Protein backbone atom coordinates (compact mmCIF):
# COMPACT_ATOMS: atom_id res chain seq x y z
CA UNK A 1 114.58 70.57 96.56
CA UNK A 2 111.63 71.82 98.59
CA UNK A 3 112.13 74.93 100.69
CA UNK A 4 110.42 76.46 103.70
CA UNK A 5 106.86 77.60 103.16
CA UNK A 6 106.69 81.36 102.78
CA UNK A 7 103.53 83.10 103.96
CA UNK A 8 104.08 86.10 106.23
CA UNK A 9 107.59 87.20 107.15
CA UNK A 10 107.95 89.78 109.93
CA UNK A 11 111.52 90.82 110.55
CA UNK A 12 114.03 93.57 111.04
CA UNK A 13 116.11 94.40 107.96
CA UNK A 14 119.75 94.60 106.93
CA UNK A 15 120.46 97.64 104.71
CA UNK A 16 122.81 97.44 101.72
CA UNK A 17 122.34 100.82 99.99
CA UNK A 18 124.59 100.02 97.04
CA UNK A 19 123.47 100.00 93.41
CA UNK A 20 124.52 97.51 90.72
CA UNK A 21 125.65 94.81 93.16
CA UNK A 22 126.62 91.92 90.89
CA UNK A 23 126.77 88.21 91.52
CA UNK A 24 130.56 88.15 91.76
CA UNK A 25 130.34 90.58 94.68
CA UNK A 26 127.60 88.48 96.26
CA UNK A 27 129.68 85.28 95.99
CA UNK A 28 133.18 85.55 94.46
CA UNK A 29 133.99 83.07 91.69
CA UNK A 30 136.72 81.33 93.70
CA UNK A 31 134.06 79.89 96.03
CA UNK A 32 131.95 78.19 93.36
CA UNK A 33 133.58 74.76 93.43
CA UNK A 34 130.93 73.18 95.68
CA UNK A 35 127.96 71.57 93.97
CA UNK A 36 125.43 71.51 96.83
CA UNK A 37 123.48 74.53 98.01
CA UNK A 38 124.67 74.43 101.60
CA UNK A 39 127.71 76.22 103.01
CA UNK A 40 127.79 79.26 100.76
CA UNK A 41 126.50 81.65 103.42
CA UNK A 42 129.90 81.88 105.07
CA UNK A 43 131.30 83.50 101.94
CA UNK A 44 128.41 85.85 101.20
CA UNK A 45 129.91 89.24 100.24
CA UNK A 46 133.25 87.71 101.21
CA UNK A 47 135.48 90.45 99.80
CA UNK A 48 133.44 93.14 101.54
CA UNK A 49 133.10 91.32 104.86
CA UNK A 50 136.81 90.50 105.19
CA UNK A 51 140.10 92.10 104.22
CA UNK A 52 142.85 90.25 102.34
CA UNK A 53 144.25 88.95 105.64
CA UNK A 54 140.91 87.40 106.60
CA UNK A 55 140.07 90.00 109.24
CA UNK A 56 136.50 91.26 109.50
CA UNK A 57 135.75 94.64 107.97
CA UNK A 58 133.77 96.09 110.85
CA UNK A 59 132.44 98.89 108.62
CA UNK A 60 130.53 96.42 106.45
CA UNK A 61 126.89 96.02 107.37
CA UNK A 62 126.92 92.24 107.91
CA UNK A 63 129.58 92.73 110.58
CA UNK A 64 127.62 95.51 112.31
CA UNK A 65 125.73 94.16 115.33
CA UNK A 66 123.16 96.94 115.03
CA UNK A 67 121.61 95.15 112.08
CA UNK A 68 119.99 91.74 111.88
CA UNK A 69 117.00 90.04 110.33
CA UNK A 70 115.84 87.88 107.46
CA UNK A 71 115.23 90.72 105.00
CA UNK A 72 118.04 92.28 102.95
CA UNK A 73 117.20 95.73 101.61
CA UNK A 74 119.46 96.52 98.66
CA UNK A 75 119.99 99.29 96.15
CA UNK A 76 118.77 99.38 92.56
CA UNK A 77 119.82 96.67 90.07
CA UNK A 78 120.70 93.99 92.60
CA UNK A 79 122.05 90.68 91.26
CA UNK A 80 123.42 91.88 87.95
CA UNK A 81 126.31 90.21 86.13
CA UNK A 82 126.68 86.47 85.62
CA UNK A 83 123.85 83.98 85.92
CA UNK A 84 125.41 82.02 88.79
CA UNK A 85 122.73 80.45 90.96
CA UNK A 86 125.26 80.26 93.78
CA UNK A 87 124.57 83.94 94.56
CA UNK A 88 121.04 83.05 95.64
CA UNK A 89 122.28 79.97 97.50
CA UNK A 90 124.69 82.18 99.50
CA UNK A 91 122.01 84.72 100.44
CA UNK A 92 119.56 81.97 101.45
CA UNK A 93 122.19 79.95 103.33
CA UNK A 94 123.21 83.05 105.29
CA UNK A 95 119.66 83.30 106.60
CA UNK A 96 117.88 85.84 104.41
CA UNK A 97 114.44 84.88 103.13
CA UNK A 98 113.63 88.02 101.14
CA UNK A 99 115.53 90.73 99.28
CA UNK A 100 113.93 94.13 98.68
CA UNK A 101 115.06 96.40 95.86
CA UNK A 102 113.65 98.73 93.23
CA UNK A 103 115.04 96.54 90.43
CA UNK A 104 116.53 93.05 90.10
CA UNK A 105 118.44 91.51 87.22
CA UNK A 106 116.02 89.09 85.54
CA UNK A 107 118.20 85.99 85.88
CA UNK A 108 118.87 86.66 89.55
CA UNK A 109 115.17 87.23 90.16
CA UNK A 110 114.24 83.92 88.53
CA UNK A 111 116.99 82.06 90.40
CA UNK A 112 115.71 83.53 93.66
CA UNK A 113 112.14 82.42 93.01
CA UNK A 114 113.38 78.93 92.10
CA UNK A 115 115.25 78.63 95.39
CA UNK A 116 112.80 79.93 97.98
CA UNK A 117 114.22 83.47 98.21
CA UNK A 118 111.55 86.14 97.67
CA UNK A 119 112.62 89.14 95.53
CA UNK A 120 110.36 92.10 96.36
CA UNK A 121 110.33 95.00 93.90
CA UNK A 122 109.25 98.33 95.41
CA UNK A 123 109.22 101.90 94.03
CA UNK A 124 112.55 103.70 94.26
CA UNK A 125 111.20 106.39 96.60
CA UNK A 126 109.78 103.76 98.96
CA UNK A 127 113.12 101.93 98.88
CA UNK A 128 115.11 105.03 99.80
CA UNK A 129 112.70 105.88 102.62
CA UNK A 130 112.98 102.33 103.95
CA UNK A 131 116.79 102.41 103.83
CA UNK A 132 116.79 105.73 105.70
CA UNK A 133 114.43 104.34 108.33
CA UNK A 134 116.56 101.24 108.90
CA UNK A 135 119.68 103.35 109.34
CA UNK A 136 117.91 105.61 111.86
CA UNK A 137 116.11 102.80 113.65
CA UNK A 138 117.81 99.43 113.01
CA UNK A 139 115.15 97.56 114.99
CA UNK A 140 112.34 98.71 112.67
CA UNK A 141 110.16 95.79 111.62
CA UNK A 142 108.80 95.05 108.16
CA UNK A 143 106.05 92.58 107.31
CA UNK A 144 105.98 90.82 103.95
CA UNK A 145 102.69 89.08 103.20
CA UNK A 146 103.13 86.85 100.17
CA UNK A 147 99.47 85.91 99.90
CA UNK A 148 98.46 89.59 99.74
CA UNK A 149 101.66 90.52 97.87
CA UNK A 150 102.27 93.39 100.26
CA UNK A 151 105.21 94.85 102.16
CA UNK A 152 104.36 96.94 105.20
CA UNK A 153 106.48 99.05 107.53
CA UNK A 154 104.89 98.07 110.83
CA UNK A 155 105.55 101.27 112.80
CA UNK A 156 104.10 103.64 110.20
CA UNK A 157 101.70 101.32 108.42
CA UNK A 158 103.09 102.44 105.06
CA UNK A 159 102.54 99.65 102.59
CA UNK A 160 103.21 98.77 98.94
CA UNK A 161 102.01 95.99 96.68
CA UNK A 162 104.54 93.92 94.73
CA UNK A 163 104.17 91.67 91.69
CA UNK A 164 105.08 87.99 91.48
CA UNK A 165 104.52 85.22 88.96
CA UNK A 166 101.35 83.35 90.10
CA UNK A 167 102.95 79.93 89.64
CA UNK A 168 106.06 80.90 91.62
CA UNK A 169 103.84 82.44 94.29
CA UNK A 170 101.97 79.16 94.73
CA UNK A 171 105.24 77.22 94.91
CA UNK A 172 106.64 79.52 97.59
CA UNK A 173 103.45 79.47 99.63
CA UNK A 174 103.54 75.67 99.64
CA UNK A 175 107.33 75.30 99.93
CA UNK A 176 107.61 73.47 96.62
CA UNK A 177 110.18 73.44 93.85
CA UNK A 178 109.23 72.62 90.25
CA UNK A 179 109.57 68.86 90.72
CA UNK A 180 107.61 68.89 93.98
CA UNK A 181 104.86 70.88 92.27
CA UNK A 182 104.56 68.37 89.44
CA UNK A 183 104.39 65.53 91.95
CA UNK A 184 101.67 67.39 93.86
CA UNK A 185 99.44 67.40 90.76
CA UNK A 186 100.37 63.89 89.62
CA UNK A 187 96.76 62.67 89.93
CA UNK A 188 95.51 65.53 87.76
CA UNK A 189 98.13 64.82 85.11
CA UNK A 190 97.31 61.11 85.13
CA UNK A 191 93.58 61.83 84.85
CA UNK A 192 94.17 64.20 81.93
CA UNK A 193 96.38 61.66 80.13
CA UNK A 194 93.81 58.89 80.61
CA UNK A 195 91.05 61.14 79.30
CA UNK A 196 93.09 61.99 76.20
CA UNK A 197 93.88 58.31 75.67
CA UNK A 198 90.18 57.39 75.79
CA UNK A 199 89.31 60.19 73.37
CA UNK A 200 91.94 58.99 70.90
CA UNK A 201 90.65 55.42 71.10
CA UNK A 202 87.10 56.48 70.21
């Protein structure tokens, strides 16, 4: 399913300075019965956002009105554990469009790229400085430029370059999933097949 085009995202950030956040913490297993991608955002970090009685935990960052934005800034090794794609669905459905960390679990990272959520890997020192800034100044803005593969703290101008698979970068820039991408180059594929067919006939 095609997603929003991702080019430049300028937003405030939500800090989650916890390491080794796994997919069961992102979306608990008891909420995985749905088969569509919509509706998971309401249960993102469910067991941290609410107590056992269903009351909001006002100490958890998603319930803190100081913080908002489309960028989640998380601690090292975000998205570890099981391979459930629902974790990415929940983050995206909640409204985040990028997650920043110093390290992502490979399966989570691939699932994110396949579903329009940009995982941005930054150096650990930069990450810690960014988390500290957000806590001091929650309205601090960050700009993520996918074309330039850069993340910039707007107030200070401090910037880092991040890596991304070229194919996935093109898909995100154009808002395409794998099937959409293949359809977008259908004429090229057909031309190539016809050329090969003619060569084999000669």
